[in-house]
Amino acid sequence: MAQTLIGLVSSDKRDKTITVSIASRETHPLYRKQYTKTRKYTAHDENNEAKVGDKVEIVACRPFSKTCSYKLVKVLERSHGTIALKDNVNEVELPEKVGADAHVASSSDRKLGRAASSVSEEDGNEASASESTEE
């Protein structure tokens, strides 16, 4: 009887070939510490039906290529899609604080390497410069 494995598809970029990751929990024989071991197998997918994240069943068979000795039997469970994270998230502008926290520079000023005192001086200089250009 052929070896049957169940795992998750980690790659489907190649034509008619998928990469299946199978994770197993093992216990160290001496230290009794449990750890996860992940193995990757390449499997033949004739109809390109498996997608990344699908739970699939593969079975051992004759070699299709140098690294591919398994074939896809069936897709057990479809993935629910992937989550796309936003790259550019705008920072929330906080209202200016009055009192003891007024000397703290904003995050954009800290990124530019400006101190809190120089920020207030620059704001005053910009205001006077804009007034002189309007006249």
C-alpha atoms as a PDB file:
ATOM      1  CA  MET A   1       0.000   0.000   0.000  1.00  0.00           C
ATOM      2  CA  ALA A   2       1.295   3.457  -0.939  1.00  0.00           C
ATOM      3  CA  GLN A   3       2.182   6.095   1.618  1.00  0.00           C
ATOM      4  CA  THR A   4      -0.592   8.707   2.017  1.00  0.00           C
ATOM      5  CA  LEU A   5       0.174  12.139   3.480  1.00  0.00           C
ATOM      6  CA  ILE A   6      -2.035  15.112   4.386  1.00  0.00           C
ATOM      7  CA  GLY A   7      -0.650  18.653   4.411  1.00  0.00           C
ATOM      8  CA  LEU A   8      -0.998  22.276   3.325  1.00  0.00           C
ATOM      9  CA  VAL A   9      -0.018  23.610  -0.101  1.00  0.00           C
ATOM     10  CA  SER A  10       2.790  26.134   0.388  1.00  0.00           C
ATOM     11  CA  SER A  11       3.493  26.842  -3.306  1.00  0.00           C
ATOM     12  CA  ASP A  12       1.662  26.383  -6.610  1.00  0.00           C
ATOM     13  CA  LYS A  13       3.838  28.543  -8.867  1.00  0.00           C
ATOM     14  CA  ARG A  14       5.139  25.675 -11.028  1.00  0.00           C
ATOM     15  CA  ASP A  15       3.010  24.182 -13.787  1.00  0.00           C
ATOM     16  CA  LYS A  16       1.324  20.913 -12.700  1.00  0.00           C
ATOM     17  CA  THR A  17       3.459  20.789  -9.535  1.00  0.00           C
ATOM     18  CA  ILE A  18       2.668  21.835  -5.971  1.00  0.00           C
ATOM     19  CA  THR A  19       4.776  21.974  -2.819  1.00  0.00           C
ATOM     20  CA  VAL A  20       3.081  20.473   0.240  1.00  0.00           C
ATOM     21  CA  SER A  21       4.273  21.274   3.793  1.00  0.00           C
ATOM     22  CA  ILE A  22       3.607  18.687   6.474  1.00  0.00           C
ATOM     23  CA  ALA A  23       4.199  19.642  10.115  1.00  0.00           C
ATOM     24  CA  SER A  24       4.573  17.039  12.847  1.00  0.00           C
ATOM     25  CA  ARG A  25       5.129  17.323  16.600  1.00  0.00           C
ATOM     26  CA  GLU A  26       7.969  15.189  17.879  1.00  0.00           C
ATOM     27  CA  THR A  27       9.451  14.620  21.329  1.00  0.00           C
ATOM     28  CA  HIS A  28      13.194  14.597  21.877  1.00  0.00           C
ATOM     29  CA  PRO A  29      14.203  11.148  23.156  1.00  0.00           C
ATOM     30  CA  LEU A  30      16.562  12.400  25.867  1.00  0.00           C
ATOM     31  CA  TYR A  31      15.245  15.819  26.912  1.00  0.00           C
ATOM     32  CA  ARG A  32      11.498  15.140  26.401  1.00  0.00           C
ATOM     33  CA  LYS A  33      11.077  18.570  24.809  1.00  0.00           C
ATOM     34  CA  GLN A  34       8.410  18.761  22.091  1.00  0.00           C
ATOM     35  CA  TYR A  35       9.246  20.525  18.842  1.00  0.00           C
ATOM     36  CA  THR A  36       7.686  20.953  15.395  1.00  0.00           C
ATOM     37  CA  LYS A  37       9.340  19.449  12.366  1.00  0.00           C
ATOM     38  CA  THR A  38       8.198  20.629   8.922  1.00  0.00           C
ATOM     39  CA  ARG A  39       8.841  18.564   5.817  1.00  0.00           C
ATOM     40  CA  LYS A  40       8.217  19.688   2.244  1.00  0.00           C
ATOM     41  CA  TYR A  41       7.190  17.365  -0.575  1.00  0.00           C
ATOM     42  CA  THR A  42       6.662  18.164  -4.246  1.00  0.00           C
ATOM     43  CA  ALA A  43       3.590  16.545  -5.767  1.00  0.00           C
ATOM     44  CA  HIS A  44       2.201  16.269  -9.299  1.00  0.00           C
ATOM     45  CA  ASP A  45      -1.062  18.200  -9.811  1.00  0.00           C
ATOM     46  CA  GLU A  46      -2.337  17.263 -13.271  1.00  0.00           C
ATOM     47  CA  ASN A  47      -5.212  19.785 -13.465  1.00  0.00           C
ATOM     48  CA  ASN A  48      -3.625  22.631 -11.434  1.00  0.00           C
ATOM     49  CA  GLU A  49      -6.577  22.469  -9.046  1.00  0.00           C
ATOM     50  CA  ALA A  50      -4.755  23.009  -5.710  1.00  0.00           C
ATOM     51  CA  LYS A  51      -4.008  26.557  -4.583  1.00  0.00           C
ATOM     52  CA  VAL A  52      -1.833  27.985  -1.800  1.00  0.00           C
ATOM     53  CA  GLY A  53      -3.319  27.267   1.641  1.00  0.00           C
ATOM     54  CA  ASP A  54      -5.452  24.278   0.565  1.00  0.00           C
ATOM     55  CA  LYS A  55      -5.423  21.143   2.698  1.00  0.00           C
ATOM     56  CA  VAL A  56      -4.603  18.252   0.339  1.00  0.00           C
ATOM     57  CA  GLU A  57      -3.995  14.516   0.342  1.00  0.00           C
ATOM     58  CA  ILE A  58      -0.990  13.205  -1.608  1.00  0.00           C
ATOM     59  CA  VAL A  59       0.104   9.631  -2.277  1.00  0.00           C
ATOM     60  CA  ALA A  60       3.511   8.129  -3.114  1.00  0.00           C
ATOM     61  CA  CYS A  61       3.919   6.912  -6.703  1.00  0.00           C
ATOM     62  CA  ARG A  62       6.547   6.420  -9.378  1.00  0.00           C
ATOM     63  CA  PRO A  63       8.853   9.450  -9.796  1.00  0.00           C
ATOM     64  CA  PHE A  64       7.555  12.133 -12.166  1.00  0.00           C
ATOM     65  CA  SER A  65      10.885  13.952 -12.010  1.00  0.00           C
ATOM     66  CA  LYS A  66      14.043  14.164  -9.905  1.00  0.00           C
ATOM     67  CA  THR A  67      12.225  15.637  -6.879  1.00  0.00           C
ATOM     68  CA  CYS A  68       8.553  14.810  -7.543  1.00  0.00           C
ATOM     69  CA  SER A  69       7.540  11.327  -6.296  1.00  0.00           C
ATOM     70  CA  TYR A  70       4.014  12.092  -5.058  1.00  0.00           C
ATOM     71  CA  LYS A  71       0.750  12.882  -6.800  1.00  0.00           C
ATOM     72  CA  LEU A  72      -2.310  14.785  -5.662  1.00  0.00           C
ATOM     73  CA  VAL A  73      -5.239  12.551  -4.703  1.00  0.00           C
ATOM     74  CA  LYS A  74      -7.789  15.182  -3.695  1.00  0.00           C
ATOM     75  CA  VAL A  75      -8.244  18.608  -2.176  1.00  0.00           C
ATOM     76  CA  LEU A  76      -9.689  18.065   1.297  1.00  0.00           C
ATOM     77  CA  GLU A  77     -10.366  21.695   2.206  1.00  0.00           C
ATOM     78  CA  ARG A  78     -10.080  24.936   0.234  1.00  0.00           C
ATOM     79  CA  SER A  79      -8.267  27.913   1.724  1.00  0.00           C
ATOM     80  CA  HIS A  80     -10.250  30.925   2.797  1.00  0.00           C
ATOM     81  CA  GLY A  81      -8.011  33.341   0.895  1.00  0.00           C
ATOM     82  CA  THR A  82      -5.088  35.438   1.989  1.00  0.00           C
ATOM     83  CA  ILE A  83      -4.967  38.640   3.976  1.00  0.00           C
ATOM     84  CA  ALA A  84      -3.319  41.583   2.226  1.00  0.00           C
ATOM     85  CA  LEU A  85      -1.683  44.036   4.598  1.00  0.00           C
ATOM     86  CA  LYS A  86      -1.508  47.704   3.741  1.00  0.00           C
ATOM     87  CA  ASP A  87       1.986  49.006   3.042  1.00  0.00           C
ATOM     88  CA  ASN A  88       1.342  52.719   3.490  1.00  0.00           C
ATOM     89  CA  VAL A  89      -0.643  53.392   6.638  1.00  0.00           C
ATOM     90  CA  ASN A  90      -1.058  57.079   7.443  1.00  0.00           C
ATOM     91  CA  GLU A  91      -0.203  58.094  10.961  1.00  0.00           C
ATOM     92  CA  VAL A  92      -2.999  59.582  13.056  1.00  0.00           C
ATOM     93  CA  GLU A  93      -2.436  63.239  13.880  1.00  0.00           C
ATOM     94  CA  LEU A  94      -2.776  63.801  17.628  1.00  0.00           C
ATOM     95  CA  PRO A  95      -3.991  67.160  18.938  1.00  0.00           C
ATOM     96  CA  GLU A  96      -1.311  69.348  20.460  1.00  0.00           C
ATOM     97  CA  LYS A  97      -1.007  68.983  24.208  1.00  0.00           C
ATOM     98  CA  VAL A  98      -0.978  71.934  26.556  1.00  0.00           C
ATOM     99  CA  GLY A  99       0.966  71.956  29.771  1.00  0.00           C
ATOM    100  CA  ALA A 100       3.727  69.619  30.921  1.00  0.00           C
ATOM    101  CA  ASP A 101       3.703  67.529  27.729  1.00  0.00           C
ATOM    102  CA  ALA A 102       4.018  70.545  25.395  1.00  0.00           C
ATOM    103  CA  HIS A 103       7.824  70.184  25.145  1.00  0.00           C
ATOM    104  CA  VAL A 104       7.634  66.708  23.538  1.00  0.00           C
ATOM    105  CA  ALA A 105       8.320  66.707  19.783  1.00  0.00           C
ATOM    106  CA  SER A 106       5.930  64.998  17.394  1.00  0.00           C
ATOM    107  CA  SER A 107       6.848  61.636  15.831  1.00  0.00           C
ATOM    108  CA  SER A 108       7.534  63.218  12.423  1.00  0.00           C
ATOM    109  CA  ASP A 109       9.908  65.719  14.035  1.00  0.00           C
ATOM    110  CA  ARG A 110      11.719  62.896  15.847  1.00  0.00           C
ATOM    111  CA  LYS A 111      12.174  61.042  12.559  1.00  0.00           C
ATOM    112  CA  LEU A 112      13.729  64.157  11.035  1.00  0.00           C
ATOM    113  CA  GLY A 113      15.999  64.624  14.068  1.00  0.00           C
ATOM    114  CA  ARG A 114      14.554  67.953  15.142  1.00  0.00           C
ATOM    115  CA  ALA A 115      14.183  68.882  18.784  1.00  0.00           C
ATOM    116  CA  ALA A 116      10.958  70.234  20.279  1.00  0.00           C
ATOM    117  CA  SER A 117      12.383  73.715  20.929  1.00  0.00           C
ATOM    118  CA  SER A 118      13.653  74.109  17.359  1.00  0.00           C
ATOM    119  CA  VAL A 119      10.233  73.128  15.994  1.00  0.00           C
ATOM    120  CA  SER A 120       8.491  75.984  17.797  1.00  0.00           C
ATOM    121  CA  GLU A 121      11.169  78.446  16.618  1.00  0.00           C
ATOM    122  CA  GLU A 122      10.837  77.286  13.000  1.00  0.00           C
ATOM    123  CA  ASP A 123       7.050  77.633  13.127  1.00  0.00           C
ATOM    124  CA  GLY A 124       7.438  81.213  14.326  1.00  0.00           C
ATOM    125  CA  ASN A 125       9.985  82.001  11.592  1.00  0.00           C
ATOM    126  CA  GLU A 126       7.732  80.540   8.881  1.00  0.00           C
ATOM    127  CA  ALA A 127       4.788  82.611  10.076  1.00  0.00           C
ATOM    128  CA  SER A 128       6.798  85.854   9.991  1.00  0.00           C
ATOM    129  CA  ALA A 129       8.239  84.980   6.568  1.00  0.00           C
ATOM    130  CA  SER A 130       4.797  84.358   5.095  1.00  0.00           C
ATOM    131  CA  GLU A 131       3.515  87.664   6.509  1.00  0.00           C
ATOM    132  CA  SER A 132       6.391  89.605   4.917  1.00  0.00           C
ATOM    133  CA  THR A 133       5.756  88.031   1.471  1.00  0.00           C
ATOM    134  CA  GLU A 134       2.074  88.968   1.557  1.00  0.00           C
ATOM    135  CA  GLU A 135       2.839  92.694   2.032  1.00  0.00           C
END
